[in-house]
Amino acid sequence: MCIANYKQGNLSIEQFYAGFLNPWSEYTGIIYSKIPKESLKALYLVYAESQRDQFLMKLRPEFEAVRASLINQSPVSTLDECLGELLREERRLATQHELTQDTVTEMNVAYMTQGRGRQRR
């Protein structure tokens, strides 16, 4: 799979991260095989930043606020640090969604209960 075409889609952050590492490691093997050893350290720093940026830019829109925060941090976060932040945000969004769903369910039950009570009168 080509890294340029890989996107999060419906995957969780963890699934997306695991899938992202496969094409990225193929890319790494190609790059590192052609670089002289004395240049590897400089290349690694650029590579790590590029990997992080590629990962962040392929996330779904609901992660935009966290993505912007991570990209603009100084010093720049590592991909592992970004992953931790994104997993926390994913849990927060899931909890928020569950609370919203619970509220809607409670409102529907209350509405149905009220409606039935009025019909009996």
N, C-alpha and C. Protein backbone atom coordinates (compact mmCIF):
# COMPACT_ATOMS: atom_id res chain seq x y z
N MET A 1 0.85 -1.18 0.00
CA MET A 1 0.00 0.00 0.00
C MET A 1 0.90 1.24 0.00
N CYS A 2 0.53 2.21 -0.76
CA CYS A 2 1.28 3.46 -0.87
C CYS A 2 0.92 4.38 0.30
N ILE A 3 1.93 4.92 0.96
CA ILE A 3 1.71 5.79 2.12
C ILE A 3 0.89 7.03 1.76
N ALA A 4 1.03 7.50 0.54
CA ALA A 4 0.30 8.71 0.12
C ALA A 4 -1.21 8.48 0.10
N ASN A 5 -1.64 7.26 -0.13
CA ASN A 5 -3.07 6.96 -0.22
C ASN A 5 -3.67 6.45 1.08
N TYR A 6 -2.86 6.25 2.09
CA TYR A 6 -3.34 5.67 3.34
C TYR A 6 -3.99 6.76 4.19
N LYS A 7 -5.24 6.54 4.60
CA LYS A 7 -6.00 7.50 5.42
C LYS A 7 -6.67 6.74 6.57
N GLN A 8 -7.08 7.48 7.60
CA GLN A 8 -7.69 6.87 8.78
C GLN A 8 -9.04 6.23 8.46
N GLY A 9 -9.87 6.92 7.69
CA GLY A 9 -11.19 6.37 7.39
C GLY A 9 -11.95 6.05 8.66
N ASN A 10 -12.51 4.85 8.76
CA ASN A 10 -13.29 4.43 9.93
C ASN A 10 -12.45 3.72 10.99
N LEU A 11 -11.15 3.69 10.82
CA LEU A 11 -10.29 2.99 11.77
C LEU A 11 -10.14 3.77 13.07
N SER A 12 -9.95 3.05 14.17
CA SER A 12 -9.63 3.72 15.43
C SER A 12 -8.20 4.25 15.32
N ILE A 13 -7.81 5.10 16.24
CA ILE A 13 -6.44 5.64 16.24
C ILE A 13 -5.43 4.49 16.31
N GLU A 14 -5.67 3.52 17.17
CA GLU A 14 -4.75 2.40 17.34
C GLU A 14 -4.64 1.57 16.05
N GLN A 15 -5.76 1.28 15.42
CA GLN A 15 -5.75 0.53 14.17
C GLN A 15 -5.05 1.32 13.06
N PHE A 16 -5.33 2.60 12.99
CA PHE A 16 -4.72 3.45 11.98
C PHE A 16 -3.20 3.50 12.18
N TYR A 17 -2.77 3.66 13.41
CA TYR A 17 -1.33 3.72 13.72
C TYR A 17 -0.64 2.41 13.31
N ALA A 18 -1.22 1.29 13.67
CA ALA A 18 -0.62 0.00 13.32
C ALA A 18 -0.53 -0.17 11.80
N GLY A 19 -1.59 0.20 11.10
CA GLY A 19 -1.58 0.11 9.65
C GLY A 19 -0.64 1.10 9.00
N PHE A 20 -0.48 2.27 9.60
CA PHE A 20 0.41 3.31 9.08
C PHE A 20 1.86 2.87 9.13
N LEU A 21 2.22 2.13 10.17
CA LEU A 21 3.61 1.72 10.33
C LEU A 21 4.08 0.77 9.24
N ASN A 22 3.18 -0.04 8.69
CA ASN A 22 3.59 -1.00 7.66
C ASN A 22 4.12 -0.32 6.40
N PRO A 23 3.33 0.52 5.72
CA PRO A 23 3.88 1.16 4.52
C PRO A 23 5.03 2.12 4.85
N TRP A 24 5.01 2.71 6.04
CA TRP A 24 6.08 3.63 6.39
C TRP A 24 7.40 2.87 6.56
N SER A 25 7.36 1.67 7.13
CA SER A 25 8.60 0.91 7.30
C SER A 25 9.16 0.46 5.95
N GLU A 26 8.29 0.18 4.99
CA GLU A 26 8.76 -0.15 3.64
C GLU A 26 9.48 1.05 3.04
N TYR A 27 8.91 2.22 3.23
CA TYR A 27 9.51 3.46 2.74
C TYR A 27 10.87 3.68 3.40
N THR A 28 10.96 3.44 4.70
CA THR A 28 12.20 3.62 5.45
C THR A 28 13.30 2.73 4.91
N GLY A 29 12.97 1.48 4.64
CA GLY A 29 13.97 0.55 4.12
C GLY A 29 14.58 1.02 2.81
N ILE A 30 13.77 1.59 1.98
CA ILE A 30 14.25 2.09 0.69
C ILE A 30 15.17 3.30 0.91
N ILE A 31 14.74 4.23 1.73
CA ILE A 31 15.51 5.46 1.98
C ILE A 31 16.84 5.15 2.64
N TYR A 32 16.83 4.37 3.71
CA TYR A 32 18.05 4.12 4.48
C TYR A 32 19.07 3.31 3.70
N SER A 33 18.63 2.50 2.79
CA SER A 33 19.57 1.66 2.05
C SER A 33 20.48 2.47 1.12
N LYS A 34 20.09 3.68 0.80
CA LYS A 34 20.85 4.49 -0.16
C LYS A 34 21.59 5.67 0.48
N ILE A 35 21.61 5.75 1.80
CA ILE A 35 22.22 6.89 2.49
C ILE A 35 23.53 6.46 3.15
N PRO A 36 24.58 7.26 2.99
CA PRO A 36 25.84 6.95 3.67
C PRO A 36 25.67 7.02 5.19
N LYS A 37 26.38 6.20 5.92
CA LYS A 37 26.24 6.11 7.37
C LYS A 37 26.44 7.44 8.08
N GLU A 38 27.33 8.28 7.62
CA GLU A 38 27.59 9.56 8.28
C GLU A 38 26.42 10.53 8.15
N SER A 39 25.50 10.28 7.25
CA SER A 39 24.34 11.15 7.06
C SER A 39 23.08 10.63 7.74
N LEU A 40 23.15 9.43 8.31
CA LEU A 40 21.96 8.79 8.87
C LEU A 40 21.33 9.56 10.03
N LYS A 41 22.13 10.15 10.91
CA LYS A 41 21.58 10.86 12.07
C LYS A 41 20.72 12.04 11.61
N ALA A 42 21.24 12.84 10.69
CA ALA A 42 20.48 13.99 10.19
C ALA A 42 19.22 13.52 9.47
N LEU A 43 19.36 12.47 8.70
CA LEU A 43 18.20 11.93 7.98
C LEU A 43 17.15 11.42 8.95
N TYR A 44 17.58 10.76 10.01
CA TYR A 44 16.64 10.22 10.98
C TYR A 44 15.78 11.32 11.60
N LEU A 45 16.38 12.45 11.93
CA LEU A 45 15.62 13.56 12.53
C LEU A 45 14.56 14.09 11.56
N VAL A 46 14.93 14.25 10.32
CA VAL A 46 13.97 14.71 9.30
C VAL A 46 12.90 13.63 9.08
N TYR A 47 13.33 12.39 9.05
CA TYR A 47 12.43 11.26 8.85
C TYR A 47 11.39 11.18 9.96
N ALA A 48 11.82 11.31 11.21
CA ALA A 48 10.90 11.20 12.35
C ALA A 48 9.85 12.31 12.31
N GLU A 49 10.28 13.51 11.97
CA GLU A 49 9.33 14.63 11.88
C GLU A 49 8.36 14.43 10.72
N SER A 50 8.86 13.97 9.61
CA SER A 50 8.02 13.72 8.44
C SER A 50 7.00 12.61 8.72
N GLN A 51 7.45 11.57 9.40
CA GLN A 51 6.56 10.46 9.76
C GLN A 51 5.42 10.97 10.64
N ARG A 52 5.76 11.74 11.65
CA ARG A 52 4.75 12.29 12.55
C ARG A 52 3.76 13.17 11.79
N ASP A 53 4.29 14.06 10.94
CA ASP A 53 3.42 14.96 10.19
C ASP A 53 2.51 14.20 9.23
N GLN A 54 3.03 13.19 8.57
CA GLN A 54 2.22 12.38 7.65
C GLN A 54 1.09 11.69 8.41
N PHE A 55 1.41 11.15 9.56
CA PHE A 55 0.41 10.46 10.39
C PHE A 55 -0.69 11.45 10.80
N LEU A 56 -0.30 12.59 11.31
CA LEU A 56 -1.27 13.58 11.79
C LEU A 56 -2.14 14.12 10.68
N MET A 57 -1.58 14.34 9.51
CA MET A 57 -2.34 14.94 8.42
C MET A 57 -3.36 13.98 7.82
N LYS A 58 -3.27 12.70 8.10
CA LYS A 58 -4.18 11.72 7.53
C LYS A 58 -5.31 11.33 8.49
N LEU A 59 -5.42 12.05 9.60
CA LEU A 59 -6.49 11.79 10.58
C LEU A 59 -7.81 12.38 10.12
N ARG A 60 -8.89 11.85 10.68
CA ARG A 60 -10.23 12.38 10.40
C ARG A 60 -10.37 13.80 10.94
N PRO A 61 -11.32 14.57 10.40
CA PRO A 61 -11.50 15.97 10.81
C PRO A 61 -11.80 16.17 12.30
N GLU A 62 -12.41 15.21 12.98
CA GLU A 62 -12.73 15.42 14.39
C GLU A 62 -11.48 15.53 15.28
N PHE A 63 -10.32 15.19 14.73
CA PHE A 63 -9.07 15.31 15.47
C PHE A 63 -8.29 16.59 15.11
N GLU A 64 -8.92 17.50 14.39
CA GLU A 64 -8.25 18.71 13.91
C GLU A 64 -7.66 19.55 15.04
N ALA A 65 -8.39 19.77 16.11
CA ALA A 65 -7.90 20.61 17.21
C ALA A 65 -6.65 20.00 17.84
N VAL A 66 -6.66 18.70 18.08
CA VAL A 66 -5.50 18.04 18.67
C VAL A 66 -4.34 18.04 17.67
N ARG A 67 -4.64 17.78 16.42
CA ARG A 67 -3.60 17.78 15.38
C ARG A 67 -2.90 19.14 15.33
N ALA A 68 -3.66 20.22 15.29
CA ALA A 68 -3.07 21.56 15.23
C ALA A 68 -2.21 21.83 16.46
N SER A 69 -2.69 21.44 17.61
CA SER A 69 -1.94 21.64 18.84
C SER A 69 -0.62 20.87 18.81
N LEU A 70 -0.66 19.64 18.36
CA LEU A 70 0.55 18.81 18.32
C LEU A 70 1.57 19.33 17.31
N ILE A 71 1.11 19.74 16.16
CA ILE A 71 2.02 20.22 15.12
C ILE A 71 2.69 21.53 15.54
N ASN A 72 1.98 22.35 16.30
CA ASN A 72 2.51 23.66 16.68
C ASN A 72 3.26 23.68 18.00
N GLN A 73 3.43 22.53 18.63
CA GLN A 73 4.16 22.49 19.90
C GLN A 73 5.65 22.76 19.68
N SER A 74 6.25 23.36 20.69
CA SER A 74 7.69 23.56 20.66
C SER A 74 8.22 23.17 22.03
N PRO A 75 9.08 22.21 22.14
CA PRO A 75 9.65 21.43 21.05
C PRO A 75 8.62 20.48 20.44
N VAL A 76 8.91 20.06 19.26
CA VAL A 76 8.00 19.20 18.50
C VAL A 76 7.85 17.86 19.20
N SER A 77 6.61 17.38 19.30
CA SER A 77 6.32 16.08 19.92
C SER A 77 6.77 14.94 19.01
N THR A 78 7.12 13.82 19.63
CA THR A 78 7.43 12.62 18.85
C THR A 78 6.12 11.97 18.42
N LEU A 79 6.22 11.04 17.51
CA LEU A 79 5.03 10.31 17.06
C LEU A 79 4.40 9.55 18.23
N ASP A 80 5.21 8.97 19.09
CA ASP A 80 4.67 8.25 20.25
C ASP A 80 3.92 9.18 21.20
N GLU A 81 4.44 10.38 21.42
CA GLU A 81 3.75 11.35 22.27
C GLU A 81 2.43 11.78 21.62
N CYS A 82 2.47 11.97 20.31
CA CYS A 82 1.24 12.33 19.58
C CYS A 82 0.21 11.22 19.70
N LEU A 83 0.66 9.98 19.57
CA LEU A 83 -0.24 8.84 19.68
C LEU A 83 -0.95 8.84 21.03
N GLY A 84 -0.21 9.09 22.10
CA GLY A 84 -0.83 9.15 23.44
C GLY A 84 -1.90 10.22 23.53
N GLU A 85 -1.62 11.39 23.01
CA GLU A 85 -2.60 12.49 23.01
C GLU A 85 -3.84 12.12 22.19
N LEU A 86 -3.61 11.51 21.04
CA LEU A 86 -4.73 11.14 20.17
C LEU A 86 -5.59 10.05 20.78
N LEU A 87 -4.97 9.10 21.46
CA LEU A 87 -5.75 8.05 22.14
C LEU A 87 -6.62 8.66 23.24
N ARG A 88 -6.07 9.63 23.98
CA ARG A 88 -6.87 10.32 25.01
C ARG A 88 -8.03 11.08 24.37
N GLU A 89 -7.77 11.75 23.25
CA GLU A 89 -8.83 12.50 22.58
C GLU A 89 -9.89 11.55 22.03
N GLU A 90 -9.48 10.41 21.51
CA GLU A 90 -10.44 9.44 21.00
C GLU A 90 -11.35 8.94 22.12
N ARG A 91 -10.76 8.67 23.29
CA ARG A 91 -11.57 8.23 24.45
C ARG A 91 -12.53 9.34 24.88
N ARG A 92 -12.04 10.59 24.88
CA ARG A 92 -12.89 11.71 25.26
C ARG A 92 -14.06 11.86 24.30
N LEU A 93 -13.79 11.75 23.01
CA LEU A 93 -14.86 11.86 22.02
C LEU A 93 -15.86 10.71 22.15
N ALA A 94 -15.36 9.51 22.42
CA ALA A 94 -16.25 8.36 22.59
C ALA A 94 -17.14 8.54 23.82
N THR A 95 -16.55 9.03 24.90
CA THR A 95 -17.33 9.28 26.13
C THR A 95 -18.37 10.36 25.88
N GLN A 96 -17.98 11.41 25.20
CA GLN A 96 -18.91 12.49 24.87
C GLN A 96 -20.06 11.96 24.01
N HIS A 97 -19.74 11.11 23.05
CA HIS A 97 -20.77 10.52 22.18
C HIS A 97 -21.72 9.64 23.00
N GLU A 98 -21.17 8.84 23.91
CA GLU A 98 -22.00 7.97 24.76
C GLU A 98 -22.93 8.81 25.64
N LEU A 99 -22.41 9.89 26.21
CA LEU A 99 -23.24 10.76 27.05
C LEU A 99 -24.35 11.39 26.23
N THR A 100 -24.03 11.80 25.03
CA THR A 100 -25.04 12.38 24.15
C THR A 100 -26.12 11.36 23.83
N GLN A 101 -25.70 10.14 23.52
CA GLN A 101 -26.66 9.07 23.20
C GLN A 101 -27.53 8.75 24.41
N ASP A 102 -26.92 8.71 25.61
CA ASP A 102 -27.69 8.45 26.83
C ASP A 102 -28.73 9.54 27.06
N THR A 103 -28.35 10.79 26.83
CA THR A 103 -29.27 11.92 27.00
C THR A 103 -30.43 11.82 26.02
N VAL A 104 -30.14 11.50 24.77
CA VAL A 104 -31.19 11.35 23.75
C VAL A 104 -32.13 10.22 24.15
N THR A 105 -31.59 9.11 24.61
CA THR A 105 -32.41 7.97 25.03
C THR A 105 -33.31 8.37 26.20
N GLU A 106 -32.74 9.07 27.18
CA GLU A 106 -33.53 9.51 28.34
C GLU A 106 -34.63 10.47 27.90
N MET A 107 -34.33 11.36 26.96
CA MET A 107 -35.34 12.30 26.48
C MET A 107 -36.44 11.55 25.73
N ASN A 108 -36.07 10.55 24.93
CA ASN A 108 -37.07 9.76 24.21
C ASN A 108 -37.98 9.00 25.17
N VAL A 109 -37.40 8.42 26.21
CA VAL A 109 -38.19 7.69 27.20
C VAL A 109 -39.13 8.65 27.92
N ALA A 110 -38.60 9.82 28.30
CA ALA A 110 -39.44 10.81 28.99
C ALA A 110 -40.57 11.27 28.08
N TYR A 111 -40.29 11.51 26.82
CA TYR A 111 -41.31 11.95 25.87
C TYR A 111 -42.37 10.87 25.69
N MET A 112 -41.92 9.62 25.54
CA MET A 112 -42.88 8.53 25.36
C MET A 112 -43.73 8.36 26.60
N THR A 113 -43.14 8.50 27.78
CA THR A 113 -43.88 8.37 29.03
C THR A 113 -44.89 9.49 29.16
N GLN A 114 -44.51 10.70 28.83
CA GLN A 114 -45.43 11.84 28.90
C GLN A 114 -46.58 11.65 27.92
N GLY A 115 -46.27 11.24 26.73
CA GLY A 115 -47.30 11.07 25.71
C GLY A 115 -48.33 10.02 26.11
N ARG A 116 -47.90 8.94 26.68
CA ARG A 116 -48.81 7.88 27.12
C ARG A 116 -49.68 8.34 28.26
N GLY A 117 -49.11 9.12 29.16
CA GLY A 117 -49.87 9.62 30.29
C GLY A 117 -50.98 10.54 29.86
N ARG A 118 -50.74 11.35 28.85
CA ARG A 118 -51.77 12.29 28.36
C ARG A 118 -52.89 11.56 27.65
N GLN A 119 -52.58 10.49 26.96
CA GLN A 119 -53.62 9.78 26.21
C GLN A 119 -54.64 9.11 27.13
N ARG A 120 -54.23 8.77 28.32
CA ARG A 120 -55.13 8.08 29.23
C ARG A 120 -56.17 9.02 29.82
N ARG A 121 -55.91 10.27 29.86
CA ARG A 121 -56.83 11.22 30.51
C ARG A 121 -58.04 11.47 29.73
